Amino acid sequence: MLRLSKPFRYEYGHLCFKLLVASMNICLLERYNELDEALLACEEHDEYAADYLASVALGLVVENRFQISYNGSNSNWVSGWATSDAQQAPLVSRSDLSTLLGLLWDDRKFILATSGLSGLLFLLSQYIFQEKNFNDSLDGEVLKGRMYELGLRYLLVAEQSQRAATLRAIDANHPEEDNWSVTPKHIDAEDSRLLMTAFIKRLSNGNDLSVFLTREPSVMLRLITTSTDPDTQDLLPGVIRCAVEYGWSMLFGIDLDLEHRLQGIARTLFGVLV
């Protein structure tokens, strides 16, 4: 397990974290019997890095597993935590996941430099669910709030194959307390600038307009509206412009029916308050 307190600030720590994520993704694919198909994709598309293709394959798997868990099915067998399957070795121990969550939280400013995290978000969400609902952890709600924010931060930079699963992780860890949005979420002015810039960049990408057809911008705004700083006021016009363009696309998007347009407008206006 990685022991650096600020892994993303050091090249060695960052590389170790990337290796950990890639290994975890491969193990999850193997346990869900999707590894052979992923390896075949690597052979057919050798112009892409193998770890990238593995994360793409896992993104859809994790999205489906979040839905299955939401419907009440037990996913502990894949992590090796299910007591009824003693022969299934733990994929990652709870203590290691606790340590990893702490590392990510302490260095959350630089999570914008990561990729392929859908598998990790799924395992962390399973761990937090266990701690909160079965182990009577007093920190369960605190862990949910941290996981919720980590998901929001990652959504700003997540590749398209990771976004649906990331939204599932965010939904699964939505804080039950109503005061989450009361406190500022940025660490300092630099962090505020990183977050706001990532939001503007994401919605200003002319090569990927699909974001305007999703609820992602309204979800990202939950973080952005609580991460402004007096020293980053110069970025507010860009944020407001992107929010207006999103609402406008929901209202007049030619590929959307009236119901989806109204839903998009409602998410833009009220989503940041949820």
C-alpha atoms as a PDB file:
ATOM      1  CA  MET A   1       0.000   0.000   0.000  1.00  0.00           C
ATOM      2  CA  LEU A   2       1.184   3.496  -0.845  1.00  0.00           C
ATOM      3  CA  ARG A   3       2.616   5.273   2.186  1.00  0.00           C
ATOM      4  CA  LEU A   4       3.297   8.772   0.895  1.00  0.00           C
ATOM      5  CA  SER A   5       1.083  11.360   2.581  1.00  0.00           C
ATOM      6  CA  LYS A   6       0.818  13.422  -0.614  1.00  0.00           C
ATOM      7  CA  PRO A   7       1.137  10.856  -3.411  1.00  0.00           C
ATOM      8  CA  PHE A   8       0.175  13.103  -6.314  1.00  0.00           C
ATOM      9  CA  ARG A   9       2.854  15.672  -5.517  1.00  0.00           C
ATOM     10  CA  TYR A  10       5.703  13.276  -6.219  1.00  0.00           C
ATOM     11  CA  GLU A  11       6.388  11.495  -9.479  1.00  0.00           C
ATOM     12  CA  TYR A  12       7.148   8.211  -7.733  1.00  0.00           C
ATOM     13  CA  GLY A  13       3.998   8.373  -5.637  1.00  0.00           C
ATOM     14  CA  HIS A  14       1.861   9.271  -8.625  1.00  0.00           C
ATOM     15  CA  LEU A  15       3.278   6.384 -10.674  1.00  0.00           C
ATOM     16  CA  CYS A  16       2.701   3.960  -7.797  1.00  0.00           C
ATOM     17  CA  PHE A  17      -0.900   5.118  -7.544  1.00  0.00           C
ATOM     18  CA  LYS A  18      -1.439   4.654 -11.289  1.00  0.00           C
ATOM     19  CA  LEU A  19      -0.009   1.136 -11.040  1.00  0.00           C
ATOM     20  CA  LEU A  20      -2.284   0.379  -8.096  1.00  0.00           C
ATOM     21  CA  VAL A  21      -5.364   1.581  -9.997  1.00  0.00           C
ATOM     22  CA  ALA A  22      -4.415  -0.363 -13.144  1.00  0.00           C
ATOM     23  CA  SER A  23      -3.860  -3.558 -11.133  1.00  0.00           C
ATOM     24  CA  MET A  24      -7.145  -3.114  -9.309  1.00  0.00           C
ATOM     25  CA  ASN A  25      -8.993  -2.612 -12.598  1.00  0.00           C
ATOM     26  CA  ILE A  26      -7.534  -5.831 -14.011  1.00  0.00           C
ATOM     27  CA  CYS A  27      -8.497  -7.767 -10.885  1.00  0.00           C
ATOM     28  CA  LEU A  28     -12.062  -6.455 -11.017  1.00  0.00           C
ATOM     29  CA  LEU A  29     -12.375  -7.406 -14.677  1.00  0.00           C
ATOM     30  CA  GLU A  30     -11.127 -10.898 -13.832  1.00  0.00           C
ATOM     31  CA  ARG A  31     -13.611 -11.349 -10.991  1.00  0.00           C
ATOM     32  CA  TYR A  32     -16.487 -10.228 -13.189  1.00  0.00           C
ATOM     33  CA  ASN A  33     -15.343 -12.572 -15.987  1.00  0.00           C
ATOM     34  CA  GLU A  34     -14.722  -9.645 -18.330  1.00  0.00           C
ATOM     35  CA  LEU A  35     -10.934  -9.883 -18.547  1.00  0.00           C
ATOM     36  CA  ASP A  36     -10.752 -12.056 -21.673  1.00  0.00           C
ATOM     37  CA  GLU A  37     -12.894  -9.604 -23.606  1.00  0.00           C
ATOM     38  CA  ALA A  38     -10.746  -6.716 -22.400  1.00  0.00           C
ATOM     39  CA  LEU A  39      -7.563  -8.514 -23.474  1.00  0.00           C
ATOM     40  CA  LEU A  40      -9.079  -9.107 -26.895  1.00  0.00           C
ATOM     41  CA  ALA A  41      -9.805  -5.392 -27.178  1.00  0.00           C
ATOM     42  CA  CYS A  42      -6.157  -4.691 -26.351  1.00  0.00           C
ATOM     43  CA  GLU A  43      -5.073  -6.910 -29.240  1.00  0.00           C
ATOM     44  CA  GLU A  44      -7.507  -5.305 -31.664  1.00  0.00           C
ATOM     45  CA  HIS A  45      -6.675  -1.741 -30.622  1.00  0.00           C
ATOM     46  CA  ASP A  46      -2.967  -1.845 -29.880  1.00  0.00           C
ATOM     47  CA  GLU A  47      -2.699   1.870 -30.621  1.00  0.00           C
ATOM     48  CA  TYR A  48      -4.136   2.484 -27.144  1.00  0.00           C
ATOM     49  CA  ALA A  49      -2.466   1.780 -23.822  1.00  0.00           C
ATOM     50  CA  ALA A  50      -3.619  -1.441 -22.171  1.00  0.00           C
ATOM     51  CA  ASP A  51      -4.455   0.258 -18.868  1.00  0.00           C
ATOM     52  CA  TYR A  52      -6.673   2.751 -20.700  1.00  0.00           C
ATOM     53  CA  LEU A  53      -8.602   0.010 -22.502  1.00  0.00           C
ATOM     54  CA  ALA A  54      -8.994  -1.881 -19.225  1.00  0.00           C
ATOM     55  CA  SER A  55     -10.484   1.203 -17.573  1.00  0.00           C
ATOM     56  CA  VAL A  56     -12.860   1.653 -20.523  1.00  0.00           C
ATOM     57  CA  ALA A  57     -14.045  -1.949 -20.241  1.00  0.00           C
ATOM     58  CA  LEU A  58     -14.466  -1.652 -16.488  1.00  0.00           C
ATOM     59  CA  GLY A  59     -16.443   1.591 -16.685  1.00  0.00           C
ATOM     60  CA  LEU A  60     -19.555  -0.113 -18.049  1.00  0.00           C
ATOM     61  CA  VAL A  61     -19.164  -3.059 -15.682  1.00  0.00           C
ATOM     62  CA  VAL A  62     -18.975  -0.775 -12.657  1.00  0.00           C
ATOM     63  CA  GLU A  63     -21.958   1.277 -13.807  1.00  0.00           C
ATOM     64  CA  ASN A  64     -24.030  -1.906 -13.969  1.00  0.00           C
ATOM     65  CA  ARG A  65     -22.752  -3.094 -10.585  1.00  0.00           C
ATOM     66  CA  PHE A  66     -23.772   0.185  -8.973  1.00  0.00           C
ATOM     67  CA  GLN A  67     -27.277  -0.342 -10.362  1.00  0.00           C
ATOM     68  CA  ILE A  68     -27.375  -3.928  -9.101  1.00  0.00           C
ATOM     69  CA  SER A  69     -26.234  -2.793  -5.648  1.00  0.00           C
ATOM     70  CA  TYR A  70     -28.865  -0.046  -5.701  1.00  0.00           C
ATOM     71  CA  ASN A  71     -31.509  -2.691  -6.366  1.00  0.00           C
ATOM     72  CA  GLY A  72     -30.458  -4.530  -3.217  1.00  0.00           C
ATOM     73  CA  SER A  73     -28.077  -7.219  -4.438  1.00  0.00           C
ATOM     74  CA  ASN A  74     -24.906  -7.979  -2.497  1.00  0.00           C
ATOM     75  CA  SER A  75     -21.634  -7.103  -4.222  1.00  0.00           C
ATOM     76  CA  ASN A  76     -19.371  -8.124  -1.357  1.00  0.00           C
ATOM     77  CA  TRP A  77     -18.467 -11.381  -3.068  1.00  0.00           C
ATOM     78  CA  VAL A  78     -16.376  -9.578  -5.672  1.00  0.00           C
ATOM     79  CA  SER A  79     -14.349  -7.777  -3.013  1.00  0.00           C
ATOM     80  CA  GLY A  80     -13.914 -10.974  -1.018  1.00  0.00           C
ATOM     81  CA  TRP A  81     -15.680  -9.570   2.049  1.00  0.00           C
ATOM     82  CA  ALA A  82     -18.663 -11.928   1.964  1.00  0.00           C
ATOM     83  CA  THR A  83     -18.494 -14.298   4.920  1.00  0.00           C
ATOM     84  CA  SER A  84     -20.398 -16.972   2.973  1.00  0.00           C
ATOM     85  CA  ASP A  85     -17.538 -17.343   0.476  1.00  0.00           C
ATOM     86  CA  ALA A  86     -14.446 -18.011   2.539  1.00  0.00           C
ATOM     87  CA  GLN A  87     -12.479 -19.220  -0.470  1.00  0.00           C
ATOM     88  CA  GLN A  88     -12.695 -15.859  -2.240  1.00  0.00           C
ATOM     89  CA  ALA A  89      -9.616 -13.942  -1.122  1.00  0.00           C
ATOM     90  CA  PRO A  90     -10.142 -10.240  -0.390  1.00  0.00           C
ATOM     91  CA  LEU A  91      -9.380  -8.111  -3.423  1.00  0.00           C
ATOM     92  CA  VAL A  92      -8.439  -5.231  -1.139  1.00  0.00           C
ATOM     93  CA  SER A  93      -8.681  -5.302   2.628  1.00  0.00           C
ATOM     94  CA  ARG A  94     -10.926  -2.838   4.423  1.00  0.00           C
ATOM     95  CA  SER A  95      -7.946  -1.409   6.269  1.00  0.00           C
ATOM     96  CA  ASP A  96      -6.106  -0.762   3.008  1.00  0.00           C
ATOM     97  CA  LEU A  97      -9.175   0.908   1.514  1.00  0.00           C
ATOM     98  CA  SER A  98      -9.469   3.052   4.623  1.00  0.00           C
ATOM     99  CA  THR A  99      -5.837   4.103   4.216  1.00  0.00           C
ATOM    100  CA  LEU A 100      -6.288   4.754   0.508  1.00  0.00           C
ATOM    101  CA  LEU A 101      -9.391   6.860   1.081  1.00  0.00           C
ATOM    102  CA  GLY A 102      -7.438   8.895   3.614  1.00  0.00           C
ATOM    103  CA  LEU A 103      -4.609   9.444   1.141  1.00  0.00           C
ATOM    104  CA  LEU A 104      -7.006  10.550  -1.579  1.00  0.00           C
ATOM    105  CA  TRP A 105      -8.826  12.892   0.762  1.00  0.00           C
ATOM    106  CA  ASP A 106      -5.680  14.479   2.163  1.00  0.00           C
ATOM    107  CA  ASP A 107      -4.413  15.117  -1.365  1.00  0.00           C
ATOM    108  CA  ARG A 108      -7.774  15.767  -3.029  1.00  0.00           C
ATOM    109  CA  LYS A 109      -6.542  18.973  -4.638  1.00  0.00           C
ATOM    110  CA  PHE A 110      -4.616  16.914  -7.175  1.00  0.00           C
ATOM    111  CA  ILE A 111      -7.198  14.237  -7.944  1.00  0.00           C
ATOM    112  CA  LEU A 112      -7.758  16.216 -11.146  1.00  0.00           C
ATOM    113  CA  ALA A 113      -4.551  14.619 -12.438  1.00  0.00           C
ATOM    114  CA  THR A 114      -5.902  11.063 -12.198  1.00  0.00           C
ATOM    115  CA  SER A 115      -7.757   8.786 -14.614  1.00  0.00           C
ATOM    116  CA  GLY A 116      -9.503   5.409 -14.790  1.00  0.00           C
ATOM    117  CA  LEU A 117     -10.890   5.559 -11.252  1.00  0.00           C
ATOM    118  CA  SER A 118     -14.329   3.965 -11.721  1.00  0.00           C
ATOM    119  CA  GLY A 119     -13.230   0.648 -10.204  1.00  0.00           C
ATOM    120  CA  LEU A 120     -11.638   2.333  -7.218  1.00  0.00           C
ATOM    121  CA  LEU A 121     -14.722   4.510  -6.680  1.00  0.00           C
ATOM    122  CA  PHE A 122     -16.857   1.370  -6.676  1.00  0.00           C
ATOM    123  CA  LEU A 123     -14.720  -0.440  -4.099  1.00  0.00           C
ATOM    124  CA  LEU A 124     -14.507   2.635  -1.881  1.00  0.00           C
ATOM    125  CA  SER A 125     -18.280   3.075  -2.092  1.00  0.00           C
ATOM    126  CA  GLN A 126     -18.779  -0.561  -1.077  1.00  0.00           C
ATOM    127  CA  TYR A 127     -16.391  -0.080   1.830  1.00  0.00           C
ATOM    128  CA  ILE A 128     -18.178   3.058   3.031  1.00  0.00           C
ATOM    129  CA  PHE A 129     -21.571   1.358   2.734  1.00  0.00           C
ATOM    130  CA  GLN A 130     -20.290  -1.489   4.911  1.00  0.00           C
ATOM    131  CA  GLU A 131     -18.822   0.853   7.502  1.00  0.00           C
ATOM    132  CA  LYS A 132     -21.954   2.949   7.737  1.00  0.00           C
ATOM    133  CA  ASN A 133     -24.668   0.300   7.635  1.00  0.00           C
ATOM    134  CA  PHE A 134     -23.157  -2.899   9.045  1.00  0.00           C
ATOM    135  CA  ASN A 135     -20.168  -1.984  11.176  1.00  0.00           C
ATOM    136  CA  ASP A 136     -21.908   0.887  12.996  1.00  0.00           C
ATOM    137  CA  SER A 137     -18.982   3.181  12.288  1.00  0.00           C
ATOM    138  CA  LEU A 138     -19.405   6.594  13.851  1.00  0.00           C
ATOM    139  CA  ASP A 139     -17.479   8.037  10.915  1.00  0.00           C
ATOM    140  CA  GLY A 140     -19.762   6.529   8.277  1.00  0.00           C
ATOM    141  CA  GLU A 141     -21.490   9.776   7.351  1.00  0.00           C
ATOM    142  CA  VAL A 142     -18.174  11.636   7.342  1.00  0.00           C
ATOM    143  CA  LEU A 143     -16.734   9.044   4.963  1.00  0.00           C
ATOM    144  CA  LYS A 144     -19.783   9.394   2.713  1.00  0.00           C
ATOM    145  CA  GLY A 145     -19.305  13.150   2.531  1.00  0.00           C
ATOM    146  CA  ARG A 146     -15.654  12.762   1.627  1.00  0.00           C
ATOM    147  CA  MET A 147     -16.398  10.145  -1.010  1.00  0.00           C
ATOM    148  CA  TYR A 148     -19.131  12.374  -2.422  1.00  0.00           C
ATOM    149  CA  GLU A 149     -16.711  15.262  -2.848  1.00  0.00           C
ATOM    150  CA  LEU A 150     -14.003  13.046  -4.332  1.00  0.00           C
ATOM    151  CA  GLY A 151     -16.527  11.832  -6.889  1.00  0.00           C
ATOM    152  CA  LEU A 152     -17.513  15.392  -7.770  1.00  0.00           C
ATOM    153  CA  ARG A 153     -13.890  16.380  -8.193  1.00  0.00           C
ATOM    154  CA  TYR A 154     -13.134  13.405 -10.417  1.00  0.00           C
ATOM    155  CA  LEU A 155     -16.225  14.030 -12.554  1.00  0.00           C
ATOM    156  CA  LEU A 156     -14.647  17.304 -13.685  1.00  0.00           C
ATOM    157  CA  VAL A 157     -11.891  15.422 -15.521  1.00  0.00           C
ATOM    158  CA  ALA A 158     -13.242  11.882 -15.966  1.00  0.00           C
ATOM    159  CA  GLU A 159     -12.963  10.324 -19.408  1.00  0.00           C
ATOM    160  CA  GLN A 160     -16.245   9.644 -21.168  1.00  0.00           C
ATOM    161  CA  SER A 161     -16.055   5.928 -20.356  1.00  0.00           C
ATOM    162  CA  GLN A 162     -15.821   6.736 -16.642  1.00  0.00           C
ATOM    163  CA  ARG A 163     -18.524   9.367 -16.274  1.00  0.00           C
ATOM    164  CA  ALA A 164     -21.645   7.225 -15.903  1.00  0.00           C
ATOM    165  CA  ALA A 165     -19.985   5.095 -13.213  1.00  0.00           C
ATOM    166  CA  THR A 166     -18.700   8.233 -11.488  1.00  0.00           C
ATOM    167  CA  LEU A 167     -22.222   9.664 -11.404  1.00  0.00           C
ATOM    168  CA  ARG A 168     -23.370   6.407  -9.811  1.00  0.00           C
ATOM    169  CA  ALA A 169     -20.672   6.747  -7.153  1.00  0.00           C
ATOM    170  CA  ILE A 170     -21.727  10.332  -6.468  1.00  0.00           C
ATOM    171  CA  ASP A 171     -25.385   9.337  -6.153  1.00  0.00           C
ATOM    172  CA  ALA A 172     -24.504   6.407  -3.881  1.00  0.00           C
ATOM    173  CA  ASN A 173     -22.635   8.678  -1.483  1.00  0.00           C
ATOM    174  CA  HIS A 174     -24.926  11.696  -1.424  1.00  0.00           C
ATOM    175  CA  PRO A 175     -24.723  13.066   2.145  1.00  0.00           C
ATOM    176  CA  GLU A 176     -27.842  12.630   4.232  1.00  0.00           C
ATOM    177  CA  GLU A 177     -27.136  15.849   6.079  1.00  0.00           C
ATOM    178  CA  ASP A 178     -28.536  19.021   4.524  1.00  0.00           C
ATOM    179  CA  ASN A 179     -25.588  21.205   5.510  1.00  0.00           C
ATOM    180  CA  TRP A 180     -23.036  19.731   3.090  1.00  0.00           C
ATOM    181  CA  SER A 181     -23.190  22.752   0.799  1.00  0.00           C
ATOM    182  CA  VAL A 182     -22.898  25.236   3.659  1.00  0.00           C
ATOM    183  CA  THR A 183     -19.127  25.009   4.064  1.00  0.00           C
ATOM    184  CA  PRO A 184     -16.568  25.891   1.354  1.00  0.00           C
ATOM    185  CA  LYS A 185     -15.113  22.871  -0.393  1.00  0.00           C
ATOM    186  CA  HIS A 186     -11.930  24.367  -1.824  1.00  0.00           C
ATOM    187  CA  ILE A 187      -8.749  24.027   0.190  1.00  0.00           C
ATOM    188  CA  ASP A 188      -7.253  27.331  -0.895  1.00  0.00           C
ATOM    189  CA  ALA A 189      -7.311  29.797  -3.788  1.00  0.00           C
ATOM    190  CA  GLU A 190      -5.178  27.504  -5.931  1.00  0.00           C
ATOM    191  CA  ASP A 191      -7.633  24.660  -5.420  1.00  0.00           C
ATOM    192  CA  SER A 192     -10.550  26.931  -6.289  1.00  0.00           C
ATOM    193  CA  ARG A 193      -8.822  27.959  -9.496  1.00  0.00           C
ATOM    194  CA  LEU A 194      -8.102  24.339 -10.432  1.00  0.00           C
ATOM    195  CA  LEU A 195     -11.732  23.325  -9.925  1.00  0.00           C
ATOM    196  CA  MET A 196     -13.294  26.289 -11.707  1.00  0.00           C
ATOM    197  CA  THR A 197     -10.850  26.021 -14.602  1.00  0.00           C
ATOM    198  CA  ALA A 198     -11.591  22.305 -14.978  1.00  0.00           C
ATOM    199  CA  PHE A 199     -15.330  23.027 -15.093  1.00  0.00           C
ATOM    200  CA  ILE A 200     -14.929  25.728 -17.738  1.00  0.00           C
ATOM    201  CA  LYS A 201     -12.605  23.543 -19.788  1.00  0.00           C
ATOM    202  CA  ARG A 202     -14.984  20.602 -19.615  1.00  0.00           C
ATOM    203  CA  LEU A 203     -17.957  22.599 -20.890  1.00  0.00           C
ATOM    204  CA  SER A 204     -15.932  24.563 -23.441  1.00  0.00           C
ATOM    205  CA  ASN A 205     -14.597  21.524 -25.288  1.00  0.00           C
ATOM    206  CA  GLY A 206     -15.920  21.933 -28.803  1.00  0.00           C
ATOM    207  CA  ASN A 207     -14.915  18.359 -29.624  1.00  0.00           C
ATOM    208  CA  ASP A 208     -17.196  16.875 -26.959  1.00  0.00           C
ATOM    209  CA  LEU A 209     -20.613  18.503 -26.851  1.00  0.00           C
ATOM    210  CA  SER A 210     -22.261  15.380 -25.420  1.00  0.00           C
ATOM    211  CA  VAL A 211     -21.897  16.838 -21.929  1.00  0.00           C
ATOM    212  CA  PHE A 212     -24.723  19.259 -22.732  1.00  0.00           C
ATOM    213  CA  LEU A 213     -27.095  16.308 -23.138  1.00  0.00           C
ATOM    214  CA  THR A 214     -26.431  14.938 -19.653  1.00  0.00           C
ATOM    215  CA  ARG A 215     -26.975  15.951 -16.047  1.00  0.00           C
ATOM    216  CA  GLU A 216     -23.231  16.142 -15.453  1.00  0.00           C
ATOM    217  CA  PRO A 217     -22.928  19.963 -15.518  1.00  0.00           C
ATOM    218  CA  SER A 218     -25.623  20.427 -12.872  1.00  0.00           C
ATOM    219  CA  VAL A 219     -23.939  17.800 -10.686  1.00  0.00           C
ATOM    220  CA  MET A 220     -20.525  19.429 -11.121  1.00  0.00           C
ATOM    221  CA  LEU A 221     -22.029  22.787 -10.170  1.00  0.00           C
ATOM    222  CA  ARG A 222     -22.764  21.396  -6.696  1.00  0.00           C
ATOM    223  CA  LEU A 223     -19.016  21.513  -6.121  1.00  0.00           C
ATOM    224  CA  ILE A 224     -18.213  24.633  -8.128  1.00  0.00           C
ATOM    225  CA  THR A 225     -20.765  26.818  -6.328  1.00  0.00           C
ATOM    226  CA  THR A 226     -19.137  25.922  -3.007  1.00  0.00           C
ATOM    227  CA  SER A 227     -15.570  26.366  -4.261  1.00  0.00           C
ATOM    228  CA  THR A 228     -15.330  30.005  -5.260  1.00  0.00           C
ATOM    229  CA  ASP A 229     -12.701  32.185  -3.633  1.00  0.00           C
ATOM    230  CA  PRO A 230     -12.144  35.958  -3.519  1.00  0.00           C
ATOM    231  CA  ASP A 231      -8.944  35.429  -5.504  1.00  0.00           C
ATOM    232  CA  THR A 232     -10.741  33.514  -8.279  1.00  0.00           C
ATOM    233  CA  GLN A 233     -13.516  35.995  -9.025  1.00  0.00           C
ATOM    234  CA  ASP A 234     -12.020  36.463 -12.487  1.00  0.00           C
ATOM    235  CA  LEU A 235     -13.228  32.959 -13.392  1.00  0.00           C
ATOM    236  CA  LEU A 236     -16.854  33.549 -12.413  1.00  0.00           C
ATOM    237  CA  PRO A 237     -17.897  34.968 -15.820  1.00  0.00           C
ATOM    238  CA  GLY A 238     -16.636  31.793 -17.484  1.00  0.00           C
ATOM    239  CA  VAL A 239     -18.496  29.571 -15.015  1.00  0.00           C
ATOM    240  CA  ILE A 240     -21.712  31.557 -15.443  1.00  0.00           C
ATOM    241  CA  ARG A 241     -21.380  31.463 -19.231  1.00  0.00           C
ATOM    242  CA  CYS A 242     -21.027  27.671 -19.182  1.00  0.00           C
ATOM    243  CA  ALA A 243     -24.031  27.301 -16.868  1.00  0.00           C
ATOM    244  CA  VAL A 244     -26.152  29.529 -19.111  1.00  0.00           C
ATOM    245  CA  GLU A 245     -25.081  27.623 -22.219  1.00  0.00           C
ATOM    246  CA  TYR A 246     -26.022  24.364 -20.530  1.00  0.00           C
ATOM    247  CA  GLY A 247     -29.451  25.668 -19.565  1.00  0.00           C
ATOM    248  CA  TRP A 248     -29.899  27.078 -23.062  1.00  0.00           C
ATOM    249  CA  SER A 249     -29.033  23.730 -24.643  1.00  0.00           C
ATOM    250  CA  MET A 250     -31.578  22.020 -22.420  1.00  0.00           C
ATOM    251  CA  LEU A 251     -34.247  24.477 -23.503  1.00  0.00           C
ATOM    252  CA  PHE A 252     -33.548  24.523 -27.229  1.00  0.00           C
ATOM    253  CA  GLY A 253     -31.535  21.347 -27.870  1.00  0.00           C
ATOM    254  CA  ILE A 254     -32.860  20.017 -31.151  1.00  0.00           C
ATOM    255  CA  ASP A 255     -32.256  16.379 -30.198  1.00  0.00           C
ATOM    256  CA  LEU A 256     -34.199  16.505 -26.936  1.00  0.00           C
ATOM    257  CA  ASP A 257     -37.905  16.048 -26.340  1.00  0.00           C
ATOM    258  CA  LEU A 258     -39.825  18.475 -24.147  1.00  0.00           C
ATOM    259  CA  GLU A 259     -39.618  16.289 -21.044  1.00  0.00           C
ATOM    260  CA  HIS A 260     -35.825  16.069 -21.213  1.00  0.00           C
ATOM    261  CA  ARG A 261     -35.563  19.803 -21.877  1.00  0.00           C
ATOM    262  CA  LEU A 262     -37.628  20.631 -18.799  1.00  0.00           C
ATOM    263  CA  GLN A 263     -35.644  18.171 -16.711  1.00  0.00           C
ATOM    264  CA  GLY A 264     -32.404  19.770 -17.860  1.00  0.00           C
ATOM    265  CA  ILE A 265     -33.603  23.264 -17.024  1.00  0.00           C
ATOM    266  CA  ALA A 266     -34.764  22.120 -13.592  1.00  0.00           C
ATOM    267  CA  ARG A 267     -31.392  20.484 -12.929  1.00  0.00           C
ATOM    268  CA  THR A 268     -29.581  23.647 -13.954  1.00  0.00           C
ATOM    269  CA  LEU A 269     -31.696  25.876 -11.729  1.00  0.00           C
ATOM    270  CA  PHE A 270     -32.113  23.631  -8.709  1.00  0.00           C
ATOM    271  CA  GLY A 271     -29.539  20.862  -9.035  1.00  0.00           C
ATOM    272  CA  VAL A 272     -26.873  22.843  -7.213  1.00  0.00           C
ATOM    273  CA  LEU A 273     -29.141  23.020  -4.181  1.00  0.00           C
ATOM    274  CA  VAL A 274     -29.747  19.270  -3.939  1.00  0.00           C
END
